[in-house]
Amino acid sequence: MNKEKIRCFHAYSEAMVRTNEIKPVEGKICGIFSVRDTINIMLPDNSISVAHFVSDCALLLKPLLQISDEHMVEVARIALEKDKDWVPLRVDRYPDSYNEVVVRVEPDITDPETIITMVIRFWEHNSSINWIWEHQKANMTGVEKRHLPNYGAVIDYLRTKSYNIGYAQYSPADLLVMGWVVETKNEII
């Protein structure tokens, strides 16, 4: 299990970490050593605290619902890299449910009475990110989920910003239950 946890720590290598030792140490990961199952931690004064067992550490990550407007817009830019004319129009927040970046609102080319709203939605309940096309005509709405372009790059970006988006087969909730992650509401990086 420690090897899997070390791989998870590698995925979040720019995150802050806290030990659960008698005198906890908190700082940025600055070295991960698979052979000994240890990490080094850069402290706020730029000194390095060495050889902390990974089994005694947890990543300090933010829940996805706390994503900043700036980070949501950057996710949209990363996802839509190949479609340079599509730019984020606005950010909408729906507390305790989801946040979204509205990317485009336009009439459907096959039916001008239908308005298509394209959004990138960040869900709280499972920390998923979806590329949604909502079709609205009169009082009817249809929703179509599509594959988010550049999904891997989006995930990498969110990990560098210390958002708990899970790891491999583990959901964000799994990481919390296993003690690999402690969620924080503070700006970490």
Foldseek 3Di string as FASTA:
>chain_A
DLLQLLVVCVLLQQFWKWFQDPPIAIAHWDAADPVLQFTWGQHPVRDIDTGDHLLRMATEFAAQLLDDPVLQQVLVCQLCVVPVVFHFDDKAHDPPFKIKTWGDWAADPVGRQKIWIWIWIQTRPFRDTWTWIWIDHDHDIDIDTDDRHPVVVSSSSNSNQRYQQADDPGTSVNCVVSRRHDYDSDRGD
